Amino acid sequence: MDCGNCCKSLMINVSEPEADNLSKKLNKTRKEFDNQYIEKGSNGMMLINTIPCHFLQEDNACSVYEDRFEGCREFPALHLPYFSKRLFSTFMHYPRCPIIFNVIEELKLKTGFKDEY
């Protein structure tokens, strides 16, 4: 399966509609879902309260893949605008994310920052 390193290291923001949707899919009340999977942050956002993610299986597959959160769908977010404004978080995941690692290494070659061996 895929590496699943992001699921082993990221805290994911969860919106109210995402929590509502997944609680229904898991046949849980929203209160049960929140108690089991959600931590309320000071900024009002909800965060998965454990690392690795509750939904990561032993084979690194996501048990709720079709209903995964937007943050999971977007990671590593290289396709989103304003890449240069997210360099800190990109480089923070450089050693653990093969996608980010390979993209940055290719950028080094393309920009002449690094010579090809």
C-alpha atoms as a PDB file:
ATOM      1  CA  MET A   1       0.000   0.000   0.000  1.00  0.00           C
ATOM      2  CA  ASP A   2       1.037   3.646   0.080  1.00  0.00           C
ATOM      3  CA  CYS A   3       3.354   4.962   2.772  1.00  0.00           C
ATOM      4  CA  GLY A   4       0.768   6.507   5.147  1.00  0.00           C
ATOM      5  CA  ASN A   5       3.432   8.708   6.756  1.00  0.00           C
ATOM      6  CA  CYS A   6       1.131  11.736   6.700  1.00  0.00           C
ATOM      7  CA  CYS A   7      -1.443   9.736   8.693  1.00  0.00           C
ATOM      8  CA  LYS A   8       1.253   8.965  11.234  1.00  0.00           C
ATOM      9  CA  SER A   9       2.312  12.556  11.775  1.00  0.00           C
ATOM     10  CA  LEU A  10      -0.360  15.125  10.873  1.00  0.00           C
ATOM     11  CA  MET A  11      -3.045  16.731  12.970  1.00  0.00           C
ATOM     12  CA  ILE A  12      -5.980  17.347  10.620  1.00  0.00           C
ATOM     13  CA  ASN A  13      -8.530  20.129  10.962  1.00  0.00           C
ATOM     14  CA  VAL A  14     -12.075  18.833  10.714  1.00  0.00           C
ATOM     15  CA  SER A  15     -15.063  20.957   9.781  1.00  0.00           C
ATOM     16  CA  GLU A  16     -18.511  20.567  11.297  1.00  0.00           C
ATOM     17  CA  PRO A  17     -19.975  19.178   8.033  1.00  0.00           C
ATOM     18  CA  GLU A  18     -17.106  16.661   7.732  1.00  0.00           C
ATOM     19  CA  ALA A  19     -17.655  15.484  11.313  1.00  0.00           C
ATOM     20  CA  ASP A  20     -21.410  15.250  10.711  1.00  0.00           C
ATOM     21  CA  ASN A  21     -20.861  13.216   7.544  1.00  0.00           C
ATOM     22  CA  LEU A  22     -18.345  10.792   8.999  1.00  0.00           C
ATOM     23  CA  SER A  23     -20.320  10.258  12.201  1.00  0.00           C
ATOM     24  CA  LYS A  24     -23.304   9.222  10.059  1.00  0.00           C
ATOM     25  CA  LYS A  25     -21.132   6.914   7.939  1.00  0.00           C
ATOM     26  CA  LEU A  26     -19.802   5.264  11.101  1.00  0.00           C
ATOM     27  CA  ASN A  27     -23.326   4.955  12.557  1.00  0.00           C
ATOM     28  CA  LYS A  28     -22.399   7.058  15.582  1.00  0.00           C
ATOM     29  CA  THR A  29     -24.167   9.991  17.109  1.00  0.00           C
ATOM     30  CA  ARG A  30     -22.262  13.196  16.699  1.00  0.00           C
ATOM     31  CA  LYS A  31     -21.589  13.227  20.450  1.00  0.00           C
ATOM     32  CA  GLU A  32     -20.151   9.674  20.330  1.00  0.00           C
ATOM     33  CA  PHE A  33     -18.054  10.606  17.303  1.00  0.00           C
ATOM     34  CA  ASP A  34     -16.691  13.750  18.960  1.00  0.00           C
ATOM     35  CA  ASN A  35     -15.892  11.906  22.190  1.00  0.00           C
ATOM     36  CA  GLN A  36     -14.027   9.158  20.349  1.00  0.00           C
ATOM     37  CA  TYR A  37     -12.255  11.064  17.565  1.00  0.00           C
ATOM     38  CA  ILE A  38     -12.335  14.825  18.007  1.00  0.00           C
ATOM     39  CA  GLU A  39     -10.522  17.351  20.127  1.00  0.00           C
ATOM     40  CA  LYS A  40     -11.803  20.914  20.244  1.00  0.00           C
ATOM     41  CA  GLY A  41      -9.048  23.458  19.689  1.00  0.00           C
ATOM     42  CA  SER A  42      -8.815  26.982  21.019  1.00  0.00           C
ATOM     43  CA  ASN A  43      -9.454  28.353  17.520  1.00  0.00           C
ATOM     44  CA  GLY A  44     -12.806  26.597  17.340  1.00  0.00           C
ATOM     45  CA  MET A  45     -11.568  24.030  14.818  1.00  0.00           C
ATOM     46  CA  MET A  46     -11.790  20.348  15.582  1.00  0.00           C
ATOM     47  CA  LEU A  47      -8.724  18.172  15.404  1.00  0.00           C
ATOM     48  CA  ILE A  48      -8.261  14.446  15.279  1.00  0.00           C
ATOM     49  CA  ASN A  49      -6.911  13.821  18.761  1.00  0.00           C
ATOM     50  CA  THR A  50      -4.381  11.085  18.151  1.00  0.00           C
ATOM     51  CA  ILE A  51      -1.361  10.323  16.026  1.00  0.00           C
ATOM     52  CA  PRO A  52      -1.390   8.098  14.070  1.00  0.00           C
ATOM     53  CA  CYS A  53      -4.860   8.776  12.789  1.00  0.00           C
ATOM     54  CA  HIS A  54      -7.651   6.609  14.212  1.00  0.00           C
ATOM     55  CA  PHE A  55      -8.596   5.562  10.686  1.00  0.00           C
ATOM     56  CA  LEU A  56      -5.157   4.359   9.526  1.00  0.00           C
ATOM     57  CA  GLN A  57      -5.126   0.575   9.112  1.00  0.00           C
ATOM     58  CA  GLU A  58      -2.140  -1.741   9.487  1.00  0.00           C
ATOM     59  CA  ASP A  59      -1.662  -1.873   5.706  1.00  0.00           C
ATOM     60  CA  ASN A  60      -1.438   1.968   5.654  1.00  0.00           C
ATOM     61  CA  ALA A  61      -4.851   2.227   4.009  1.00  0.00           C
ATOM     62  CA  CYS A  62      -7.482   4.636   5.239  1.00  0.00           C
ATOM     63  CA  SER A  63     -10.590   2.946   6.609  1.00  0.00           C
ATOM     64  CA  VAL A  64     -12.709   6.020   5.739  1.00  0.00           C
ATOM     65  CA  TYR A  65     -10.960   6.908   2.474  1.00  0.00           C
ATOM     66  CA  GLU A  66     -14.104   7.844   0.530  1.00  0.00           C
ATOM     67  CA  ASP A  67     -15.178  10.145   3.360  1.00  0.00           C
ATOM     68  CA  ARG A  68     -11.772  11.399   4.485  1.00  0.00           C
ATOM     69  CA  PHE A  69     -11.315  14.990   5.573  1.00  0.00           C
ATOM     70  CA  GLU A  70     -10.361  17.842   3.246  1.00  0.00           C
ATOM     71  CA  GLY A  71      -6.930  18.144   4.878  1.00  0.00           C
ATOM     72  CA  CYS A  72      -6.281  14.498   4.052  1.00  0.00           C
ATOM     73  CA  ARG A  73      -7.504  14.922   0.474  1.00  0.00           C
ATOM     74  CA  GLU A  74      -5.292  17.951  -0.099  1.00  0.00           C
ATOM     75  CA  PHE A  75      -2.058  16.780   1.488  1.00  0.00           C
ATOM     76  CA  PRO A  76       0.677  17.556   0.500  1.00  0.00           C
ATOM     77  CA  ALA A  77      -1.139  20.524  -1.086  1.00  0.00           C
ATOM     78  CA  LEU A  78       1.452  21.067  -3.797  1.00  0.00           C
ATOM     79  CA  HIS A  79      -1.383  21.702  -6.262  1.00  0.00           C
ATOM     80  CA  LEU A  80      -2.819  24.616  -4.287  1.00  0.00           C
ATOM     81  CA  PRO A  81      -1.973  28.249  -5.065  1.00  0.00           C
ATOM     82  CA  TYR A  82       0.614  30.214  -3.072  1.00  0.00           C
ATOM     83  CA  PHE A  83       3.064  27.344  -2.725  1.00  0.00           C
ATOM     84  CA  SER A  84       5.812  29.808  -1.779  1.00  0.00           C
ATOM     85  CA  LYS A  85       3.775  30.960   1.225  1.00  0.00           C
ATOM     86  CA  ARG A  86       3.652  27.389   2.571  1.00  0.00           C
ATOM     87  CA  LEU A  87       7.354  26.591   2.362  1.00  0.00           C
ATOM     88  CA  PHE A  88       7.775  26.136   6.112  1.00  0.00           C
ATOM     89  CA  SER A  89       5.140  23.417   6.324  1.00  0.00           C
ATOM     90  CA  THR A  90       6.367  21.879   3.054  1.00  0.00           C
ATOM     91  CA  PHE A  91       9.926  21.582   4.323  1.00  0.00           C
ATOM     92  CA  MET A  92       8.693  20.399   7.719  1.00  0.00           C
ATOM     93  CA  HIS A  93       7.308  17.294   5.938  1.00  0.00           C
ATOM     94  CA  TYR A  94      10.252  16.924   3.521  1.00  0.00           C
ATOM     95  CA  PRO A  95      11.921  14.034   5.412  1.00  0.00           C
ATOM     96  CA  ARG A  96       8.722  12.002   5.894  1.00  0.00           C
ATOM     97  CA  CYS A  97       6.730  12.537   2.707  1.00  0.00           C
ATOM     98  CA  PRO A  98       8.082  10.861  -0.441  1.00  0.00           C
ATOM     99  CA  ILE A  99       5.972  13.141  -2.664  1.00  0.00           C
ATOM    100  CA  ILE A 100       7.356  16.325  -1.119  1.00  0.00           C
ATOM    101  CA  PHE A 101      10.873  14.882  -1.057  1.00  0.00           C
ATOM    102  CA  ASN A 102      10.790  13.991  -4.768  1.00  0.00           C
ATOM    103  CA  VAL A 103       9.250  17.313  -5.827  1.00  0.00           C
ATOM    104  CA  ILE A 104      11.809  19.342  -3.862  1.00  0.00           C
ATOM    105  CA  GLU A 105      14.693  17.255  -5.176  1.00  0.00           C
ATOM    106  CA  GLU A 106      13.435  17.772  -8.750  1.00  0.00           C
ATOM    107  CA  LEU A 107      13.091  21.519  -8.111  1.00  0.00           C
ATOM    108  CA  LYS A 108      16.694  21.585  -6.914  1.00  0.00           C
ATOM    109  CA  LEU A 109      17.811  20.035 -10.199  1.00  0.00           C
ATOM    110  CA  LYS A 110      15.583  22.233 -12.382  1.00  0.00           C
ATOM    111  CA  THR A 111      16.711  25.444 -10.683  1.00  0.00           C
ATOM    112  CA  GLY A 112      20.389  24.506 -10.673  1.00  0.00           C
ATOM    113  CA  PHE A 113      20.494  24.445  -6.880  1.00  0.00           C
ATOM    114  CA  LYS A 114      21.811  20.898  -7.123  1.00  0.00           C
ATOM    115  CA  ASP A 115      23.795  19.236  -9.883  1.00  0.00           C
ATOM    116  CA  GLU A 116      22.631  15.876 -11.178  1.00  0.00           C
ATOM    117  CA  TYR A 117      25.021  13.042 -10.306  1.00  0.00           C
END
